[in-house]
């Protein structure tokens, strides 16, 4: 019984994987205008569904596919050259404070000497 369930999960995963692969191949051949129109329709459908349904329930195969695709998408924070504006501002403020403190310490030393 357990092996039958495992087989069903594996077959479901493989079916989903093959189905998405062929769907992506078909999508790559379409015209840009058709893609834009389809994206607009899909975004509208997602917006309508979000208003109707609370939380989505994913199957194991869908979770595995999402994890696989999410690992391929580059995140902007992973780049060593990428810095957020707040980080740059904080760094400059700290450098200014340190520079100001060192200058005021030198000024107090030169006036007392």
C-alpha atoms as a PDB file:
ATOM      1  CA  UNK A   1       0.000   0.000   0.000  1.00  0.00           C
ATOM      2  CA  UNK A   2       2.840   2.361   0.877  1.00  0.00           C
ATOM      3  CA  UNK A   3       4.697   1.630  -2.364  1.00  0.00           C
ATOM      4  CA  UNK A   4       1.528   2.375  -4.357  1.00  0.00           C
ATOM      5  CA  UNK A   5       1.244   5.762  -2.674  1.00  0.00           C
ATOM      6  CA  UNK A   6       4.904   6.509  -3.317  1.00  0.00           C
ATOM      7  CA  UNK A   7       4.483   5.514  -6.956  1.00  0.00           C
ATOM      8  CA  UNK A   8       1.464   7.817  -7.258  1.00  0.00           C
ATOM      9  CA  UNK A   9       3.447  10.741  -5.817  1.00  0.00           C
ATOM     10  CA  UNK A  10       6.395  10.098  -8.147  1.00  0.00           C
ATOM     11  CA  UNK A  11       4.141   9.791 -11.196  1.00  0.00           C
ATOM     12  CA  UNK A  12       2.262  12.943 -10.227  1.00  0.00           C
ATOM     13  CA  UNK A  13       5.541  14.809  -9.890  1.00  0.00           C
ATOM     14  CA  UNK A  14       6.833  13.532 -13.229  1.00  0.00           C
ATOM     15  CA  UNK A  15       3.556  14.388 -14.961  1.00  0.00           C
ATOM     16  CA  UNK A  16       3.678  17.926 -13.559  1.00  0.00           C
ATOM     17  CA  UNK A  17       7.311  18.312 -14.579  1.00  0.00           C
ATOM     18  CA  UNK A  18       6.713  17.122 -18.154  1.00  0.00           C
ATOM     19  CA  UNK A  19       3.546  19.214 -18.444  1.00  0.00           C
ATOM     20  CA  UNK A  20       5.320  22.392 -17.317  1.00  0.00           C
ATOM     21  CA  UNK A  21       8.288  21.684 -19.582  1.00  0.00           C
ATOM     22  CA  UNK A  22       6.104  21.401 -22.680  1.00  0.00           C
ATOM     23  CA  UNK A  23       4.117  24.465 -21.583  1.00  0.00           C
ATOM     24  CA  UNK A  24       7.340  26.490 -21.283  1.00  0.00           C
ATOM     25  CA  UNK A  25       8.537  25.291 -24.676  1.00  0.00           C
ATOM     26  CA  UNK A  26       5.253  26.355 -26.238  1.00  0.00           C
ATOM     27  CA  UNK A  27       5.432  29.699 -24.454  1.00  0.00           C
ATOM     28  CA  UNK A  28       8.914  30.375 -25.827  1.00  0.00           C
ATOM     29  CA  UNK A  29       7.641  30.162 -29.404  1.00  0.00           C
ATOM     30  CA  UNK A  30       4.775  32.596 -29.012  1.00  0.00           C
ATOM     31  CA  UNK A  31       4.777  36.168 -30.121  1.00  0.00           C
ATOM     32  CA  UNK A  32       5.519  38.911 -27.581  1.00  0.00           C
ATOM     33  CA  UNK A  33       2.071  40.488 -27.951  1.00  0.00           C
ATOM     34  CA  UNK A  34       0.374  37.175 -27.269  1.00  0.00           C
ATOM     35  CA  UNK A  35       2.560  36.703 -24.187  1.00  0.00           C
ATOM     36  CA  UNK A  36       1.695  40.175 -22.883  1.00  0.00           C
ATOM     37  CA  UNK A  37      -2.018  39.577 -23.384  1.00  0.00           C
ATOM     38  CA  UNK A  38      -1.824  36.218 -21.639  1.00  0.00           C
ATOM     39  CA  UNK A  39       0.087  37.731 -18.730  1.00  0.00           C
ATOM     40  CA  UNK A  40      -2.557  40.411 -18.299  1.00  0.00           C
ATOM     41  CA  UNK A  41      -5.315  37.822 -18.292  1.00  0.00           C
ATOM     42  CA  UNK A  42      -3.449  35.608 -15.841  1.00  0.00           C
ATOM     43  CA  UNK A  43      -2.744  38.530 -13.488  1.00  0.00           C
ATOM     44  CA  UNK A  44      -6.416  39.402 -13.530  1.00  0.00           C
ATOM     45  CA  UNK A  45      -7.356  35.796 -12.790  1.00  0.00           C
ATOM     46  CA  UNK A  46      -4.893  35.682  -9.896  1.00  0.00           C
ATOM     47  CA  UNK A  47      -6.295  38.929  -8.490  1.00  0.00           C
ATOM     48  CA  UNK A  48      -9.838  37.546  -8.662  1.00  0.00           C
ATOM     49  CA  UNK A  49      -8.807  34.257  -7.055  1.00  0.00           C
ATOM     50  CA  UNK A  50      -6.942  36.020  -4.243  1.00  0.00           C
ATOM     51  CA  UNK A  51     -10.123  37.818  -3.326  1.00  0.00           C
ATOM     52  CA  UNK A  52     -12.061  34.536  -3.251  1.00  0.00           C
ATOM     53  CA  UNK A  53      -9.702  32.036  -1.659  1.00  0.00           C
ATOM     54  CA  UNK A  54      -7.720  32.299   1.555  1.00  0.00           C
ATOM     55  CA  UNK A  55      -4.610  30.154   1.237  1.00  0.00           C
ATOM     56  CA  UNK A  56      -3.491  27.930  -1.627  1.00  0.00           C
ATOM     57  CA  UNK A  57      -2.856  24.246  -0.971  1.00  0.00           C
ATOM     58  CA  UNK A  58       0.015  22.974  -3.083  1.00  0.00           C
ATOM     59  CA  UNK A  59       0.731  19.362  -3.963  1.00  0.00           C
ATOM     60  CA  UNK A  60       4.176  17.899  -3.318  1.00  0.00           C
ATOM     61  CA  UNK A  61       5.026  18.071  -6.996  1.00  0.00           C
ATOM     62  CA  UNK A  62       4.038  21.750  -7.171  1.00  0.00           C
ATOM     63  CA  UNK A  63       6.131  22.520  -4.072  1.00  0.00           C
ATOM     64  CA  UNK A  64       9.146  20.756  -5.576  1.00  0.00           C
ATOM     65  CA  UNK A  65       8.749  22.642  -8.852  1.00  0.00           C
ATOM     66  CA  UNK A  66       8.421  25.996  -7.065  1.00  0.00           C
ATOM     67  CA  UNK A  67      11.530  25.255  -4.992  1.00  0.00           C
ATOM     68  CA  UNK A  68      13.460  24.312  -8.128  1.00  0.00           C
ATOM     69  CA  UNK A  69      12.441  27.444 -10.035  1.00  0.00           C
ATOM     70  CA  UNK A  70      12.970  29.716  -7.018  1.00  0.00           C
ATOM     71  CA  UNK A  71      16.542  28.465  -6.747  1.00  0.00           C
ATOM     72  CA  UNK A  72      17.221  29.491 -10.345  1.00  0.00           C
ATOM     73  CA  UNK A  73      15.968  33.063  -9.965  1.00  0.00           C
ATOM     74  CA  UNK A  74      18.756  35.462  -8.921  1.00  0.00           C
ATOM     75  CA  UNK A  75      17.987  37.595  -5.892  1.00  0.00           C
ATOM     76  CA  UNK A  76      19.220  41.197  -5.947  1.00  0.00           C
ATOM     77  CA  UNK A  77      20.652  41.024  -2.425  1.00  0.00           C
ATOM     78  CA  UNK A  78      23.088  38.213  -3.243  1.00  0.00           C
ATOM     79  CA  UNK A  79      25.381  40.341  -5.376  1.00  0.00           C
ATOM     80  CA  UNK A  80      28.558  41.502  -3.576  1.00  0.00           C
ATOM     81  CA  UNK A  81      28.321  44.873  -5.344  1.00  0.00           C
ATOM     82  CA  UNK A  82      24.670  45.382  -4.413  1.00  0.00           C
ATOM     83  CA  UNK A  83      24.113  47.671  -1.449  1.00  0.00           C
ATOM     84  CA  UNK A  84      20.879  49.148  -0.244  1.00  0.00           C
ATOM     85  CA  UNK A  85      20.573  52.888   0.032  1.00  0.00           C
ATOM     86  CA  UNK A  86      20.094  52.657   3.804  1.00  0.00           C
ATOM     87  CA  UNK A  87      23.343  50.711   4.168  1.00  0.00           C
ATOM     88  CA  UNK A  88      25.277  53.315   2.205  1.00  0.00           C
ATOM     89  CA  UNK A  89      23.751  56.144   4.206  1.00  0.00           C
ATOM     90  CA  UNK A  90      24.530  54.454   7.513  1.00  0.00           C
ATOM     91  CA  UNK A  91      28.102  53.783   6.444  1.00  0.00           C
ATOM     92  CA  UNK A  92      28.634  57.399   5.414  1.00  0.00           C
ATOM     93  CA  UNK A  93      27.085  58.699   8.638  1.00  0.00           C
ATOM     94  CA  UNK A  94      29.369  56.480  10.695  1.00  0.00           C
ATOM     95  CA  UNK A  95      32.432  57.567   8.729  1.00  0.00           C
ATOM     96  CA  UNK A  96      31.446  61.194   9.223  1.00  0.00           C
ATOM     97  CA  UNK A  97      31.033  60.708  12.971  1.00  0.00           C
ATOM     98  CA  UNK A  98      34.376  58.993  13.256  1.00  0.00           C
ATOM     99  CA  UNK A  99      36.055  61.673  11.175  1.00  0.00           C
ATOM    100  CA  UNK A 100      34.393  64.427  13.208  1.00  0.00           C
ATOM    101  CA  UNK A 101      35.392  62.798  16.503  1.00  0.00           C
ATOM    102  CA  UNK A 102      38.998  62.442  15.386  1.00  0.00           C
ATOM    103  CA  UNK A 103      39.077  66.054  14.220  1.00  0.00           C
ATOM    104  CA  UNK A 104      37.602  67.373  17.471  1.00  0.00           C
ATOM    105  CA  UNK A 105      40.061  65.247  19.484  1.00  0.00           C
ATOM    106  CA  UNK A 106      42.980  66.697  17.504  1.00  0.00           C
ATOM    107  CA  UNK A 107      41.601  70.195  17.958  1.00  0.00           C
ATOM    108  CA  UNK A 108      41.336  69.771  21.709  1.00  0.00           C
ATOM    109  CA  UNK A 109      44.881  68.417  21.855  1.00  0.00           C
ATOM    110  CA  UNK A 110      46.300  71.299  19.840  1.00  0.00           C
ATOM    111  CA  UNK A 111      44.535  73.939  21.985  1.00  0.00           C
ATOM    112  CA  UNK A 112      45.745  72.436  25.272  1.00  0.00           C
ATOM    113  CA  UNK A 113      49.342  72.112  24.156  1.00  0.00           C
END
